[in-house]
Amino acid sequence: MSKPSFTPMNELQTQRIPVQVTSAQKARITRLARRAGLPVGEFLRRSVDFYIAPEDEKILAHLLDQVEQTMTAAAAAVDKTCARVAVSNKQIDAMLAANPAPRLDLRLLRKAA
């Protein structure tokens, strides 16, 4: 992804963009700027510089496609594994049915207790 391009320090910032916000938004922006140790104007300029650019959206869309493909492949692998486990369970059930284990007489356990 591309790095944000900050305004060079020697470039004069002469343009204004009046923006109206709610009291809650202003309080949040002011609080975040204070936490960052920046004046509100500089905080807003840097926030804009970090905003996702259209070319970054293309990169994110590609990454999302890759994640979806990976998840589809992983789900298929899990399904295949579950099917193998089901076959194995049937084989075990058949073996147990053919050779039943000796039954435990619970009356003997009760007498011993």
C-alpha atoms as a PDB file:
ATOM      1  CA  MET A   1       0.000   0.000   0.000  1.00  0.00           C
ATOM      2  CA  SER A   2       1.160   3.510  -0.629  1.00  0.00           C
ATOM      3  CA  LYS A   3       2.426   5.645   2.200  1.00  0.00           C
ATOM      4  CA  PRO A   4       0.572   8.841   3.011  1.00  0.00           C
ATOM      5  CA  SER A   5       2.129  11.951   1.529  1.00  0.00           C
ATOM      6  CA  PHE A   6       2.375  14.658   4.150  1.00  0.00           C
ATOM      7  CA  THR A   7       2.470  18.306   3.178  1.00  0.00           C
ATOM      8  CA  PRO A   8       6.074  19.532   3.151  1.00  0.00           C
ATOM      9  CA  MET A   9       6.840  21.848   6.049  1.00  0.00           C
ATOM     10  CA  ASN A  10       7.969  24.645   3.713  1.00  0.00           C
ATOM     11  CA  GLU A  11       4.669  24.644   1.781  1.00  0.00           C
ATOM     12  CA  LEU A  12       2.326  27.348   3.045  1.00  0.00           C
ATOM     13  CA  GLN A  13      -1.070  26.160   4.126  1.00  0.00           C
ATOM     14  CA  THR A  14      -3.288  28.938   2.837  1.00  0.00           C
ATOM     15  CA  GLN A  15      -6.485  27.153   1.845  1.00  0.00           C
ATOM     16  CA  ARG A  16      -9.459  26.789   4.173  1.00  0.00           C
ATOM     17  CA  ILE A  17     -12.190  24.169   4.202  1.00  0.00           C
ATOM     18  CA  PRO A  18     -15.023  25.149   6.523  1.00  0.00           C
ATOM     19  CA  VAL A  19     -16.638  22.024   7.910  1.00  0.00           C
ATOM     20  CA  GLN A  20     -19.497  21.871  10.347  1.00  0.00           C
ATOM     21  CA  VAL A  21     -19.567  19.066  12.876  1.00  0.00           C
ATOM     22  CA  THR A  22     -21.728  18.174  15.841  1.00  0.00           C
ATOM     23  CA  SER A  23     -20.666  19.017  19.383  1.00  0.00           C
ATOM     24  CA  ALA A  24     -19.916  15.338  19.970  1.00  0.00           C
ATOM     25  CA  GLN A  25     -17.772  15.110  16.817  1.00  0.00           C
ATOM     26  CA  LYS A  26     -15.844  18.241  17.774  1.00  0.00           C
ATOM     27  CA  ALA A  27     -15.226  16.881  21.269  1.00  0.00           C
ATOM     28  CA  ARG A  28     -14.023  13.574  19.840  1.00  0.00           C
ATOM     29  CA  ILE A  29     -11.728  15.249  17.293  1.00  0.00           C
ATOM     30  CA  THR A  30     -10.331  17.553  19.984  1.00  0.00           C
ATOM     31  CA  ARG A  31      -9.780  14.627  22.368  1.00  0.00           C
ATOM     32  CA  LEU A  32      -8.024  12.545  19.693  1.00  0.00           C
ATOM     33  CA  ALA A  33      -5.851  15.486  18.638  1.00  0.00           C
ATOM     34  CA  ARG A  34      -4.875  16.119  22.252  1.00  0.00           C
ATOM     35  CA  ARG A  35      -3.968  12.418  22.685  1.00  0.00           C
ATOM     36  CA  ALA A  36      -1.823  12.628  19.562  1.00  0.00           C
ATOM     37  CA  GLY A  37      -0.155  15.792  20.871  1.00  0.00           C
ATOM     38  CA  LEU A  38      -1.237  17.765  17.811  1.00  0.00           C
ATOM     39  CA  PRO A  39      -3.245  20.888  17.137  1.00  0.00           C
ATOM     40  CA  VAL A  40      -6.700  20.042  15.759  1.00  0.00           C
ATOM     41  CA  GLY A  41      -5.845  21.399  12.290  1.00  0.00           C
ATOM     42  CA  GLU A  42      -2.704  19.267  12.001  1.00  0.00           C
ATOM     43  CA  PHE A  43      -4.557  16.247  13.341  1.00  0.00           C
ATOM     44  CA  LEU A  44      -7.233  16.663  10.666  1.00  0.00           C
ATOM     45  CA  ARG A  45      -4.638  17.152   7.902  1.00  0.00           C
ATOM     46  CA  ARG A  46      -2.819  13.983   8.941  1.00  0.00           C
ATOM     47  CA  SER A  47      -6.113  12.099   9.213  1.00  0.00           C
ATOM     48  CA  VAL A  48      -6.906  13.026   5.617  1.00  0.00           C
ATOM     49  CA  ASP A  49      -3.447  11.884   4.524  1.00  0.00           C
ATOM     50  CA  PHE A  50      -4.096   8.478   6.107  1.00  0.00           C
ATOM     51  CA  TYR A  51      -7.562   8.093   4.587  1.00  0.00           C
ATOM     52  CA  ILE A  52      -7.826   5.120   2.190  1.00  0.00           C
ATOM     53  CA  ALA A  53      -7.061   6.295  -1.326  1.00  0.00           C
ATOM     54  CA  PRO A  54      -8.837   4.781  -4.388  1.00  0.00           C
ATOM     55  CA  GLU A  55      -5.723   2.814  -5.407  1.00  0.00           C
ATOM     56  CA  ASP A  56      -5.573   1.335  -1.915  1.00  0.00           C
ATOM     57  CA  GLU A  57      -9.191   0.247  -2.291  1.00  0.00           C
ATOM     58  CA  LYS A  58      -8.167  -1.813  -5.333  1.00  0.00           C
ATOM     59  CA  ILE A  59      -5.434  -3.483  -3.288  1.00  0.00           C
ATOM     60  CA  LEU A  60      -7.869  -4.180  -0.448  1.00  0.00           C
ATOM     61  CA  ALA A  61     -10.427  -5.606  -2.899  1.00  0.00           C
ATOM     62  CA  HIS A  62      -7.751  -7.945  -4.283  1.00  0.00           C
ATOM     63  CA  LEU A  63      -6.794  -9.027  -0.766  1.00  0.00           C
ATOM     64  CA  LEU A  64     -10.441  -9.651   0.037  1.00  0.00           C
ATOM     65  CA  ASP A  65     -10.737 -11.853  -3.068  1.00  0.00           C
ATOM     66  CA  GLN A  66      -7.709 -13.837  -1.908  1.00  0.00           C
ATOM     67  CA  VAL A  67      -9.183 -14.244   1.581  1.00  0.00           C
ATOM     68  CA  GLU A  68     -12.477 -15.463   0.106  1.00  0.00           C
ATOM     69  CA  GLN A  69     -10.652 -18.002  -2.091  1.00  0.00           C
ATOM     70  CA  THR A  70      -8.618 -19.215   0.880  1.00  0.00           C
ATOM     71  CA  MET A  71     -11.721 -19.540   3.040  1.00  0.00           C
ATOM     72  CA  THR A  72     -13.488 -21.510   0.297  1.00  0.00           C
ATOM     73  CA  ALA A  73     -10.521 -23.870   0.014  1.00  0.00           C
ATOM     74  CA  ALA A  74     -10.326 -24.245   3.795  1.00  0.00           C
ATOM     75  CA  ALA A  75     -14.058 -25.010   4.028  1.00  0.00           C
ATOM     76  CA  ALA A  76     -13.683 -27.649   1.298  1.00  0.00           C
ATOM     77  CA  ALA A  77     -10.771 -29.217   3.188  1.00  0.00           C
ATOM     78  CA  VAL A  78     -12.810 -29.314   6.390  1.00  0.00           C
ATOM     79  CA  ASP A  79     -15.750 -30.895   4.536  1.00  0.00           C
ATOM     80  CA  LYS A  80     -13.432 -33.520   3.028  1.00  0.00           C
ATOM     81  CA  THR A  81     -11.960 -34.283   6.442  1.00  0.00           C
ATOM     82  CA  CYS A  82     -15.430 -34.601   7.996  1.00  0.00           C
ATOM     83  CA  ALA A  83     -16.424 -37.034   5.238  1.00  0.00           C
ATOM     84  CA  ARG A  84     -13.302 -39.133   5.909  1.00  0.00           C
ATOM     85  CA  VAL A  85     -14.070 -39.164   9.637  1.00  0.00           C
ATOM     86  CA  ALA A  86     -17.645 -40.301   8.899  1.00  0.00           C
ATOM     87  CA  VAL A  87     -16.324 -43.181   6.756  1.00  0.00           C
ATOM     88  CA  SER A  88     -13.849 -44.102   9.476  1.00  0.00           C
ATOM     89  CA  ASN A  89     -16.598 -44.044  12.131  1.00  0.00           C
ATOM     90  CA  LYS A  90     -18.721 -46.398  10.007  1.00  0.00           C
ATOM     91  CA  GLN A  91     -15.777 -48.768   9.666  1.00  0.00           C
ATOM     92  CA  ILE A  92     -15.195 -48.727  13.419  1.00  0.00           C
ATOM     93  CA  ASP A  93     -18.906 -49.316  14.062  1.00  0.00           C
ATOM     94  CA  ALA A  94     -18.814 -52.303  11.666  1.00  0.00           C
ATOM     95  CA  MET A  95     -15.747 -53.762  13.397  1.00  0.00           C
ATOM     96  CA  LEU A  96     -17.327 -53.351  16.816  1.00  0.00           C
ATOM     97  CA  ALA A  97     -20.551 -54.972  15.603  1.00  0.00           C
ATOM     98  CA  ALA A  98     -18.607 -57.937  14.194  1.00  0.00           C
ATOM     99  CA  ASN A  99     -16.550 -58.383  17.364  1.00  0.00           C
ATOM    100  CA  PRO A 100     -18.588 -57.093  20.278  1.00  0.00           C
ATOM    101  CA  ALA A 101     -16.716 -56.396  23.454  1.00  0.00           C
ATOM    102  CA  PRO A 102     -17.637 -58.552  26.423  1.00  0.00           C
ATOM    103  CA  ARG A 103     -20.487 -57.031  28.371  1.00  0.00           C
ATOM    104  CA  LEU A 104     -19.754 -55.841  31.852  1.00  0.00           C
ATOM    105  CA  ASP A 105     -22.106 -57.185  34.487  1.00  0.00           C
ATOM    106  CA  LEU A 106     -23.054 -54.101  36.489  1.00  0.00           C
ATOM    107  CA  ARG A 107     -24.421 -56.259  39.301  1.00  0.00           C
ATOM    108  CA  LEU A 108     -20.866 -57.302  40.114  1.00  0.00           C
ATOM    109  CA  LEU A 109     -19.846 -53.668  40.458  1.00  0.00           C
ATOM    110  CA  ARG A 110     -22.755 -52.935  42.774  1.00  0.00           C
ATOM    111  CA  LYS A 111     -21.902 -55.894  45.001  1.00  0.00           C
ATOM    112  CA  ALA A 112     -18.279 -54.808  45.221  1.00  0.00           C
ATOM    113  CA  ALA A 113     -19.283 -51.339  46.371  1.00  0.00           C
END
